[in-house]
Amino acid sequence: MLDIKKDLAEVKRDIAEVKEQGEMRKIVDKSFLLQSKMLKAVEIFVGLIGANTTERLQLLKNAATAFDGHFRVFFAV
């Protein structure tokens, strides 16, 4: 009887550990996604510095696609 309680406790700990690892994976995935979006923002910003007006509009259109339309851009044309 004692072995069953011990085994059950181990199983519960294993389940909690797996859930925790799953949550950590979600956090890591979101971190990588955020990092890639930040790199894309830097790429767009650097592109805007030397671009003419037509190129800027294309870069902004690409940015809207890359960021699913959720971003703000401040620059002078």
N, C-alpha and C. Protein backbone atom coordinates (compact mmCIF):
# COMPACT_ATOMS: atom_id res chain seq x y z
N MET A 1 0.83 -1.20 0.00
CA MET A 1 0.00 0.00 0.00
C MET A 1 0.87 1.25 0.00
N LEU A 2 1.93 1.23 0.75
CA LEU A 2 2.81 2.40 0.81
C LEU A 2 3.47 2.65 -0.53
N ASP A 3 3.80 1.61 -1.25
CA ASP A 3 4.44 1.77 -2.55
C ASP A 3 3.50 2.45 -3.54
N ILE A 4 2.23 2.16 -3.47
CA ILE A 4 1.25 2.78 -4.37
C ILE A 4 1.17 4.28 -4.11
N LYS A 5 1.14 4.67 -2.84
CA LYS A 5 1.10 6.10 -2.50
C LYS A 5 2.37 6.80 -2.97
N LYS A 6 3.49 6.14 -2.82
CA LYS A 6 4.77 6.71 -3.25
C LYS A 6 4.78 6.85 -4.78
N ASP A 7 4.34 5.81 -5.47
CA ASP A 7 4.29 5.86 -6.94
C ASP A 7 3.34 6.95 -7.42
N LEU A 8 2.21 7.07 -6.75
CA LEU A 8 1.24 8.10 -7.12
C LEU A 8 1.83 9.49 -6.92
N ALA A 9 2.55 9.69 -5.84
CA ALA A 9 3.20 10.98 -5.59
C ALA A 9 4.24 11.28 -6.68
N GLU A 10 4.98 10.26 -7.09
CA GLU A 10 5.97 10.45 -8.17
C GLU A 10 5.28 10.82 -9.48
N VAL A 11 4.19 10.16 -9.77
CA VAL A 11 3.45 10.46 -11.00
C VAL A 11 2.93 11.89 -10.97
N LYS A 12 2.41 12.32 -9.85
CA LYS A 12 1.91 13.69 -9.72
C LYS A 12 3.04 14.70 -9.91
N ARG A 13 4.22 14.41 -9.35
CA ARG A 13 5.37 15.30 -9.53
C ARG A 13 5.79 15.34 -11.01
N ASP A 14 5.78 14.17 -11.64
CA ASP A 14 6.14 14.10 -13.06
C ASP A 14 5.17 14.91 -13.91
N ILE A 15 3.89 14.80 -13.61
CA ILE A 15 2.88 15.56 -14.36
C ILE A 15 3.10 17.06 -14.17
N ALA A 16 3.35 17.48 -12.94
CA ALA A 16 3.60 18.90 -12.67
C ALA A 16 4.84 19.38 -13.41
N GLU A 17 5.87 18.54 -13.45
CA GLU A 17 7.12 18.90 -14.14
C GLU A 17 6.88 19.05 -15.65
N VAL A 18 6.12 18.14 -16.22
CA VAL A 18 5.82 18.20 -17.65
C VAL A 18 5.02 19.46 -17.97
N LYS A 19 4.05 19.80 -17.12
CA LYS A 19 3.26 21.02 -17.32
C LYS A 19 4.16 22.24 -17.26
N GLU A 20 5.08 22.25 -16.28
CA GLU A 20 6.00 23.36 -16.13
C GLU A 20 6.90 23.49 -17.35
N GLN A 21 7.40 22.37 -17.85
CA GLN A 21 8.25 22.39 -19.04
C GLN A 21 7.49 22.91 -20.25
N GLY A 22 6.21 22.54 -20.35
CA GLY A 22 5.39 23.02 -21.44
C GLY A 22 5.22 24.53 -21.39
N GLU A 23 5.02 25.04 -20.18
CA GLU A 23 4.91 26.49 -20.00
C GLU A 23 6.22 27.18 -20.36
N MET A 24 7.33 26.58 -19.97
CA MET A 24 8.64 27.15 -20.31
C MET A 24 8.84 27.17 -21.81
N ARG A 25 8.41 26.12 -22.50
CA ARG A 25 8.54 26.09 -23.96
C ARG A 25 7.73 27.22 -24.59
N LYS A 26 6.54 27.47 -24.06
CA LYS A 26 5.72 28.56 -24.59
C LYS A 26 6.42 29.90 -24.40
N ILE A 27 7.02 30.09 -23.23
CA ILE A 27 7.74 31.33 -22.96
C ILE A 27 8.93 31.48 -23.90
N VAL A 28 9.68 30.40 -24.11
CA VAL A 28 10.83 30.43 -25.00
C VAL A 28 10.38 30.72 -26.43
N ASP A 29 9.30 30.07 -26.87
CA ASP A 29 8.77 30.31 -28.22
C ASP A 29 8.38 31.77 -28.39
N LYS A 30 7.70 32.33 -27.41
CA LYS A 30 7.30 33.74 -27.49
C LYS A 30 8.52 34.65 -27.49
N SER A 31 9.54 34.26 -26.73
CA SER A 31 10.76 35.05 -26.68
C SER A 31 11.44 35.08 -28.05
N PHE A 32 11.51 33.92 -28.71
CA PHE A 32 12.11 33.88 -30.05
C PHE A 32 11.29 34.68 -31.05
N LEU A 33 9.98 34.62 -30.94
CA LEU A 33 9.12 35.39 -31.83
C LEU A 33 9.35 36.88 -31.63
N LEU A 34 9.40 37.31 -30.38
CA LEU A 34 9.64 38.72 -30.08
C LEU A 34 11.01 39.15 -30.60
N GLN A 35 12.01 38.31 -30.40
CA GLN A 35 13.35 38.62 -30.86
C GLN A 35 13.38 38.77 -32.38
N SER A 36 12.70 37.90 -33.10
CA SER A 36 12.70 37.99 -34.56
C SER A 36 11.97 39.26 -35.02
N LYS A 37 10.91 39.64 -34.31
CA LYS A 37 10.20 40.87 -34.66
C LYS A 37 11.07 42.09 -34.38
N MET A 38 11.84 42.04 -33.30
CA MET A 38 12.73 43.16 -32.99
C MET A 38 13.81 43.29 -34.07
N LEU A 39 14.36 42.16 -34.49
CA LEU A 39 15.38 42.21 -35.55
C LEU A 39 14.78 42.76 -36.84
N LYS A 40 13.55 42.37 -37.15
CA LYS A 40 12.87 42.87 -38.34
C LYS A 40 12.67 44.39 -38.23
N ALA A 41 12.32 44.87 -37.03
CA ALA A 41 12.12 46.31 -36.82
C ALA A 41 13.43 47.07 -37.06
N VAL A 42 14.54 46.52 -36.59
CA VAL A 42 15.84 47.16 -36.81
C VAL A 42 16.17 47.16 -38.29
N GLU A 43 15.90 46.07 -38.96
CA GLU A 43 16.14 45.98 -40.40
C GLU A 43 15.33 47.05 -41.16
N ILE A 44 14.08 47.20 -40.78
CA ILE A 44 13.21 48.19 -41.43
C ILE A 44 13.71 49.60 -41.14
N PHE A 45 14.07 49.87 -39.89
CA PHE A 45 14.56 51.19 -39.51
C PHE A 45 15.81 51.55 -40.29
N VAL A 46 16.75 50.62 -40.37
CA VAL A 46 17.99 50.87 -41.11
C VAL A 46 17.67 51.09 -42.59
N GLY A 47 16.72 50.34 -43.11
CA GLY A 47 16.32 50.53 -44.51
C GLY A 47 15.70 51.88 -44.76
N LEU A 48 14.95 52.39 -43.77
CA LEU A 48 14.30 53.70 -43.93
C LEU A 48 15.30 54.84 -43.97
N ILE A 49 16.43 54.68 -43.30
CA ILE A 49 17.42 55.76 -43.24
C ILE A 49 17.91 56.16 -44.62
N GLY A 50 18.25 55.18 -45.45
CA GLY A 50 18.83 55.50 -46.74
C GLY A 50 17.86 55.39 -47.91
N ALA A 51 16.60 55.16 -47.65
CA ALA A 51 15.65 54.89 -48.72
C ALA A 51 15.01 56.17 -49.24
N ASN A 52 14.64 56.13 -50.52
CA ASN A 52 13.87 57.24 -51.07
C ASN A 52 12.39 57.00 -50.71
N THR A 53 11.51 57.92 -51.10
CA THR A 53 10.11 57.84 -50.69
C THR A 53 9.43 56.57 -51.15
N THR A 54 9.65 56.16 -52.38
CA THR A 54 9.03 54.94 -52.90
C THR A 54 9.51 53.72 -52.13
N GLU A 55 10.83 53.67 -51.89
CA GLU A 55 11.37 52.55 -51.13
C GLU A 55 10.83 52.54 -49.70
N ARG A 56 10.67 53.72 -49.11
CA ARG A 56 10.13 53.81 -47.75
C ARG A 56 8.71 53.26 -47.70
N LEU A 57 7.91 53.61 -48.68
CA LEU A 57 6.53 53.12 -48.70
C LEU A 57 6.50 51.60 -48.83
N GLN A 58 7.40 51.05 -49.64
CA GLN A 58 7.47 49.59 -49.79
C GLN A 58 7.92 48.94 -48.48
N LEU A 59 8.91 49.55 -47.83
CA LEU A 59 9.38 49.01 -46.55
C LEU A 59 8.26 49.04 -45.51
N LEU A 60 7.48 50.12 -45.50
CA LEU A 60 6.37 50.21 -44.55
C LEU A 60 5.29 49.18 -44.85
N LYS A 61 5.05 48.95 -46.12
CA LYS A 61 4.08 47.91 -46.51
C LYS A 61 4.58 46.55 -46.05
N ASN A 62 5.85 46.28 -46.24
CA ASN A 62 6.44 45.02 -45.78
C ASN A 62 6.37 44.91 -44.26
N ALA A 63 6.59 46.04 -43.58
CA ALA A 63 6.52 46.04 -42.12
C ALA A 63 5.12 45.71 -41.64
N ALA A 64 4.12 46.25 -42.31
CA ALA A 64 2.73 45.97 -41.92
C ALA A 64 2.45 44.48 -42.06
N THR A 65 2.99 43.87 -43.08
CA THR A 65 2.82 42.43 -43.27
C THR A 65 3.58 41.66 -42.20
N ALA A 66 4.82 42.05 -41.95
CA ALA A 66 5.66 41.34 -40.99
C ALA A 66 5.12 41.41 -39.56
N PHE A 67 4.50 42.52 -39.22
CA PHE A 67 4.02 42.72 -37.85
C PHE A 67 2.51 42.58 -37.77
N ASP A 68 1.89 41.97 -38.74
CA ASP A 68 0.45 41.75 -38.75
C ASP A 68 -0.32 43.05 -38.55
N GLY A 69 0.25 44.16 -39.01
CA GLY A 69 -0.43 45.44 -38.92
C GLY A 69 -0.37 46.10 -37.56
N HIS A 70 0.34 45.51 -36.60
CA HIS A 70 0.40 46.05 -35.25
C HIS A 70 1.75 46.71 -35.00
N PHE A 71 1.94 47.90 -35.50
CA PHE A 71 3.17 48.62 -35.28
C PHE A 71 2.95 50.10 -35.59
N ARG A 72 3.86 50.92 -35.14
CA ARG A 72 3.81 52.35 -35.43
C ARG A 72 5.16 52.75 -36.01
N VAL A 73 5.14 53.60 -37.00
CA VAL A 73 6.38 54.07 -37.60
C VAL A 73 6.35 55.59 -37.61
N PHE A 74 7.41 56.20 -37.11
CA PHE A 74 7.52 57.64 -37.10
C PHE A 74 8.75 58.01 -37.93
N PHE A 75 8.52 58.74 -39.00
CA PHE A 75 9.64 59.20 -39.80
C PHE A 75 9.18 60.38 -40.64
N ALA A 76 10.14 61.15 -41.11
CA ALA A 76 9.83 62.29 -41.96
C ALA A 76 10.14 61.91 -43.39
N VAL A 77 9.19 62.16 -44.28
CA VAL A 77 9.40 61.86 -45.70
C VAL A 77 10.12 63.02 -46.33
